Amino acid sequence: MIRDITIGQYYPGETWVHRLDPRLKITVTLIFIVALFFVRDFLGYVIAIAALGGVIAISRVPLGFILRGLKAIFIIIVFTFALNMFLTAGTPLIKIGFFTVTREGLYGAVFMALRLVLLIIGSSLLTLTTKPIKLTDGIESLLGPLRVIGVPAHELAMMMTIALRFIPTLLEETDKIMKAQMARGADFESGSILRRAKNLIPILVPLFISAFRIAQDLAMAMEARCYRGGEGRTKLHVLKFESRDAAATLLTALFVLLILFERVYSDEIRAFLAL
């Protein structure tokens, strides 16, 4: 389960998606997430899935590698699905004990599960196709206008990128600690959920010690290289908006227009498809 988390990892490649401007990729990811909340029926999700599938195909990131990241949130997806299915009022379909599954609840549960899955996959693609240093430059550039009100754009970008970059490192460290304790007789897989959660407590102390050690090593390495923040720093690679970024912008605008058109004229589209 620990090794299945893909957020923060980078999948090397030289595809069109990998070479896009990081500022554009961050913006498109945010637009995609917002667009998901405008979708209210299956046709809208078909458009979102088709768009996301096209990006995955172009990026050449293996679909199995992307879907592996969903295992970590499988419990959340199931819990959200059940919550919407059983607690939404509407036309009864099936009665299970004290709970009643309604037509509206089933639709809402499917929509919410799809939204979560697409949101996680879309967010993961950002880090899978963007190098950490480019992600830092992109975040810093987008936060740049906030400097006029005293927001430390470079420092915020650096902190967010380091946090994302060290998620896989800490997960790998957690996996090593668990294997070491399992070799000494610890049991993390049997018993109830409460018992398994309780058995994870002994992992926290060595994990915190390891995290502080990694943070200290990183701080010493940055000081040894005379890092003093973003003031007066120059960049080896200056971000430039190129023709492929313009093409991606047009495709994003088309996607947004399709989502808005489908939302506004959803009733007319359903009536047309029913003919």
Protein backbone atom coordinates (compact mmCIF):
# COMPACT_ATOMS: atom_id res chain seq x y z
CA MET A 1 0.00 0.00 0.00
CA ILE A 2 2.78 2.43 0.92
CA ARG A 3 4.63 1.83 -2.34
CA ASP A 4 1.45 2.35 -4.37
CA ILE A 5 1.35 6.13 -3.74
CA THR A 6 2.50 7.91 -6.89
CA ILE A 7 1.91 11.55 -5.90
CA GLY A 8 5.22 13.43 -5.91
CA GLN A 9 6.98 10.96 -8.21
CA TYR A 10 8.37 11.91 -11.63
CA TYR A 11 8.13 9.57 -14.62
CA PRO A 12 10.97 10.44 -17.05
CA GLY A 13 10.05 11.16 -20.64
CA GLU A 14 10.51 13.54 -23.57
CA THR A 15 6.93 13.65 -24.79
CA TRP A 16 4.92 16.72 -25.78
CA VAL A 17 3.28 16.76 -22.34
CA HIS A 18 6.62 16.53 -20.52
CA ARG A 19 7.99 19.51 -22.49
CA LEU A 20 5.05 21.84 -21.84
CA ASP A 21 5.62 24.98 -19.79
CA PRO A 22 5.18 24.05 -16.09
CA ARG A 23 3.14 27.23 -15.51
CA LEU A 24 0.68 26.08 -18.13
CA LYS A 25 0.50 22.55 -16.69
CA ILE A 26 -0.22 23.87 -13.21
CA THR A 27 -2.92 26.18 -14.58
CA VAL A 28 -4.48 23.45 -16.73
CA THR A 29 -4.54 21.07 -13.76
CA LEU A 30 -6.38 23.65 -11.66
CA ILE A 31 -8.82 24.31 -14.53
CA PHE A 32 -9.43 20.57 -14.91
CA ILE A 33 -10.17 20.21 -11.17
CA VAL A 34 -12.59 23.14 -11.23
CA ALA A 35 -14.24 21.81 -14.40
CA LEU A 36 -14.97 18.50 -12.66
CA PHE A 37 -17.22 20.34 -10.20
CA PHE A 38 -19.24 21.79 -13.10
CA VAL A 39 -20.04 18.32 -14.46
CA ARG A 40 -23.48 17.09 -13.45
CA ASP A 41 -24.19 14.07 -15.67
CA PHE A 42 -22.49 11.14 -17.40
CA LEU A 43 -21.87 12.93 -20.69
CA GLY A 44 -19.77 15.54 -18.90
CA TYR A 45 -17.69 12.79 -17.30
CA VAL A 46 -17.28 11.13 -20.71
CA ILE A 47 -15.78 14.40 -21.99
CA ALA A 48 -13.48 14.66 -18.93
CA ILE A 49 -12.39 11.01 -19.22
CA ALA A 50 -11.72 11.40 -22.95
CA ALA A 51 -9.61 14.52 -22.35
CA LEU A 52 -7.66 12.91 -19.53
CA GLY A 53 -7.19 9.71 -21.53
CA GLY A 54 -5.77 11.70 -24.43
CA VAL A 55 -3.24 13.40 -22.13
CA ILE A 56 -2.21 10.04 -20.64
CA ALA A 57 -1.77 8.53 -24.10
CA ILE A 58 0.38 11.44 -25.28
CA SER A 59 2.49 11.46 -22.08
CA ARG A 60 3.19 7.71 -22.45
CA VAL A 61 2.99 7.23 -18.70
CA PRO A 62 1.80 3.61 -18.19
CA LEU A 63 -1.87 3.52 -17.19
CA GLY A 64 -1.13 0.76 -14.67
CA PHE A 65 1.43 2.98 -12.95
CA ILE A 66 -1.12 5.80 -12.70
CA LEU A 67 -3.94 3.56 -11.47
CA ARG A 68 -1.62 2.09 -8.85
CA GLY A 69 -1.82 5.41 -7.02
CA LEU A 70 -5.57 4.91 -6.52
CA LYS A 71 -4.98 1.95 -4.19
CA ALA A 72 -3.91 4.33 -1.43
CA ILE A 73 -7.27 6.14 -1.49
CA PHE A 74 -9.44 3.10 -2.22
CA ILE A 75 -10.95 3.17 1.29
CA ILE A 76 -11.83 6.87 0.92
CA ILE A 77 -13.50 6.20 -2.45
CA VAL A 78 -15.52 3.28 -1.05
CA PHE A 79 -16.52 5.28 2.05
CA THR A 80 -17.61 8.27 -0.06
CA PHE A 81 -19.52 5.97 -2.42
CA ALA A 82 -21.38 4.28 0.46
CA LEU A 83 -22.09 7.58 2.21
CA ASN A 84 -23.70 9.09 -0.89
CA MET A 85 -25.55 5.90 -1.82
CA PHE A 86 -27.20 5.28 1.56
CA LEU A 87 -27.76 8.80 2.89
CA THR A 88 -29.28 10.51 -0.15
CA ALA A 89 -33.08 10.79 -0.18
CA GLY A 90 -35.00 9.93 -3.33
CA THR A 91 -36.72 7.11 -5.17
CA PRO A 92 -36.08 3.79 -3.31
CA LEU A 93 -34.40 0.99 -5.27
CA ILE A 94 -33.10 -1.54 -2.73
CA LYS A 95 -33.51 -1.83 1.03
CA ILE A 96 -30.56 -3.28 2.96
CA GLY A 97 -31.39 -3.58 6.65
CA PHE A 98 -31.84 -0.07 8.03
CA PHE A 99 -30.46 1.51 4.85
CA THR A 100 -32.24 2.27 1.60
CA VAL A 101 -30.47 2.69 -1.70
CA THR A 102 -32.14 5.39 -3.79
CA ARG A 103 -31.86 6.16 -7.49
CA GLU A 104 -30.54 9.66 -6.74
CA GLY A 105 -28.14 8.29 -4.14
CA LEU A 106 -26.72 5.71 -6.56
CA TYR A 107 -26.20 8.35 -9.25
CA GLY A 108 -24.61 10.72 -6.74
CA ALA A 109 -22.32 7.97 -5.43
CA VAL A 110 -21.10 7.06 -8.92
CA PHE A 111 -20.55 10.73 -9.82
CA MET A 112 -18.62 11.43 -6.60
CA ALA A 113 -16.42 8.34 -7.02
CA LEU A 114 -15.68 9.30 -10.65
CA ARG A 115 -14.87 12.84 -9.59
CA LEU A 116 -12.41 11.64 -6.92
CA VAL A 117 -10.70 9.22 -9.32
CA LEU A 118 -10.35 11.81 -12.08
CA LEU A 119 -9.16 14.45 -9.60
CA ILE A 120 -6.40 12.18 -8.24
CA ILE A 121 -5.29 11.02 -11.70
CA GLY A 122 -5.27 14.58 -13.07
CA SER A 123 -3.24 15.86 -10.10
CA SER A 124 -0.81 12.93 -10.32
CA LEU A 125 -0.12 13.63 -14.00
CA LEU A 126 1.21 17.06 -13.05
CA THR A 127 4.02 15.64 -10.90
CA LEU A 128 4.54 12.56 -13.09
CA THR A 129 5.30 14.71 -16.15
CA THR A 130 7.08 17.68 -14.51
CA LYS A 131 10.58 17.68 -13.03
CA PRO A 132 10.74 19.06 -9.45
CA ILE A 133 12.99 21.97 -10.45
CA LYS A 134 10.60 22.99 -13.25
CA LEU A 135 7.66 22.64 -10.90
CA THR A 136 9.42 25.03 -8.50
CA ASP A 137 10.04 27.54 -11.28
CA GLY A 138 6.44 27.30 -12.43
CA ILE A 139 4.95 27.82 -8.95
CA GLU A 140 7.35 30.71 -8.27
CA SER A 141 6.45 32.39 -11.55
CA LEU A 142 2.71 32.06 -10.90
CA LEU A 143 3.12 33.45 -7.38
CA GLY A 144 5.40 36.25 -8.62
CA PRO A 145 2.70 38.97 -8.79
CA LEU A 146 2.00 38.43 -5.07
CA ARG A 147 5.45 39.79 -4.21
CA VAL A 148 4.03 43.31 -4.32
CA ILE A 149 2.03 42.52 -1.15
CA GLY A 150 5.00 40.87 0.58
CA VAL A 151 4.36 37.21 -0.27
CA PRO A 152 7.69 35.29 -0.44
CA ALA A 153 6.98 33.57 -3.76
CA HIS A 154 10.34 31.78 -4.09
CA GLU A 155 10.29 30.42 -0.54
CA LEU A 156 6.68 29.20 -0.86
CA ALA A 157 7.45 27.52 -4.18
CA MET A 158 10.54 25.88 -2.70
CA MET A 159 8.64 24.57 0.33
CA MET A 160 5.79 23.13 -1.75
CA THR A 161 8.18 21.44 -4.16
CA ILE A 162 10.31 19.97 -1.37
CA ALA A 163 7.15 18.67 0.32
CA LEU A 164 6.04 16.97 -2.91
CA ARG A 165 9.52 15.69 -3.68
CA PHE A 166 9.98 14.06 -0.28
CA ILE A 167 6.63 12.26 -0.19
CA PRO A 168 8.12 9.23 -2.05
CA THR A 169 11.27 9.43 0.11
CA LEU A 170 9.31 9.32 3.37
CA LEU A 171 7.06 6.55 2.04
CA GLU A 172 10.13 4.52 1.13
CA GLU A 173 11.54 5.14 4.61
CA THR A 174 8.22 4.04 6.15
CA ASP A 175 8.30 0.85 4.08
CA LYS A 176 11.84 0.07 5.28
CA ILE A 177 10.86 0.61 8.94
CA MET A 178 7.79 -1.62 8.57
CA LYS A 179 9.82 -4.40 6.97
CA ALA A 180 12.47 -4.14 9.70
CA GLN A 181 9.82 -4.39 12.44
CA MET A 182 8.00 -7.23 10.65
CA ALA A 183 11.30 -9.14 10.57
CA ARG A 184 11.31 -8.77 14.36
CA GLY A 185 7.77 -10.15 14.73
CA ALA A 186 5.58 -7.07 14.33
CA ASP A 187 2.17 -7.67 12.72
CA PHE A 188 0.63 -4.92 10.57
CA GLU A 189 -1.78 -6.97 8.45
CA SER A 190 -3.96 -9.09 10.74
CA GLY A 191 -6.69 -8.10 13.19
CA SER A 192 -9.30 -5.38 13.07
CA ILE A 193 -8.77 -1.95 11.52
CA LEU A 194 -8.40 -0.44 15.01
CA ARG A 195 -5.78 -3.00 15.98
CA ARG A 196 -3.83 -2.50 12.78
CA ALA A 197 -3.91 1.27 13.29
CA LYS A 198 -2.64 0.78 16.86
CA ASN A 199 0.19 -1.43 15.60
CA LEU A 200 1.36 1.41 13.36
CA ILE A 201 2.12 3.67 16.34
CA PRO A 202 5.63 2.22 16.94
CA ILE A 203 6.53 3.29 13.39
CA LEU A 204 5.98 6.99 14.14
CA VAL A 205 9.01 7.55 16.41
CA PRO A 206 11.68 6.17 14.01
CA LEU A 207 9.85 7.81 11.09
CA PHE A 208 9.95 11.25 12.76
CA ILE A 209 13.63 10.77 13.62
CA SER A 210 14.36 9.82 10.00
CA ALA A 211 12.35 12.82 8.69
CA PHE A 212 14.27 15.25 10.93
CA ARG A 213 17.56 13.68 9.84
CA ILE A 214 16.64 14.08 6.15
CA ALA A 215 15.56 17.69 6.77
CA GLN A 216 18.84 18.46 8.55
CA ASP A 217 20.89 16.89 5.76
CA LEU A 218 18.97 18.91 3.17
CA ALA A 219 19.43 22.15 5.14
CA MET A 220 23.18 21.55 5.50
CA ALA A 221 23.49 20.77 1.78
CA MET A 222 21.66 23.99 0.87
CA GLU A 223 23.84 26.03 3.23
CA ALA A 224 27.00 24.41 1.84
CA ARG A 225 25.93 25.65 -1.60
CA CYS A 226 25.39 29.18 -0.23
CA TYR A 227 21.62 29.13 -0.62
CA ARG A 228 20.17 32.35 0.81
CA GLY A 229 16.64 32.43 -0.61
CA GLY A 230 15.33 33.86 -3.85
CA GLU A 231 16.67 37.41 -3.57
CA GLY A 232 19.00 38.15 -6.49
CA ARG A 233 18.94 34.58 -7.83
CA THR A 234 19.10 33.93 -11.57
CA LYS A 235 17.87 30.89 -13.50
CA LEU A 236 19.79 28.55 -15.75
CA HIS A 237 16.66 27.74 -17.76
CA VAL A 238 14.26 30.64 -18.29
CA LEU A 239 10.64 29.61 -18.84
CA LYS A 240 9.36 30.51 -22.29
CA PHE A 241 5.89 30.17 -23.78
CA GLU A 242 6.31 28.25 -27.06
CA SER A 243 4.06 27.07 -29.91
CA ARG A 244 3.25 23.76 -28.21
CA ASP A 245 2.07 25.70 -25.16
CA ALA A 246 -0.21 27.79 -27.38
CA ALA A 247 -1.66 24.59 -28.86
CA ALA A 248 -2.23 23.17 -25.37
CA THR A 249 -3.95 26.41 -24.35
CA LEU A 250 -6.34 26.15 -27.30
CA LEU A 251 -7.12 22.51 -26.45
CA THR A 252 -7.79 23.49 -22.82
CA ALA A 253 -10.13 26.28 -23.96
CA LEU A 254 -11.96 23.77 -26.17
CA PHE A 255 -12.31 21.37 -23.22
CA VAL A 256 -13.74 24.15 -21.00
CA LEU A 257 -16.19 25.19 -23.72
CA LEU A 258 -17.37 21.59 -24.15
CA ILE A 259 -17.91 21.21 -20.39
CA LEU A 260 -19.83 24.50 -20.19
CA PHE A 261 -21.87 23.71 -23.31
CA GLU A 262 -22.77 20.29 -21.94
CA ARG A 263 -23.80 21.76 -18.60
CA VAL A 264 -25.97 24.52 -20.11
CA TYR A 265 -27.61 22.34 -22.77
CA SER A 266 -27.57 18.97 -20.97
CA ASP A 267 -31.37 18.57 -21.11
CA GLU A 268 -31.46 19.28 -24.86
CA ILE A 269 -28.55 16.89 -25.47
CA ARG A 270 -30.27 14.09 -23.53
CA ALA A 271 -33.50 14.66 -25.45
CA PHE A 272 -31.60 14.56 -28.75
CA LEU A 273 -29.78 11.33 -27.81
CA ALA A 274 -33.09 9.75 -26.76
CA LEU A 275 -34.50 10.16 -30.30
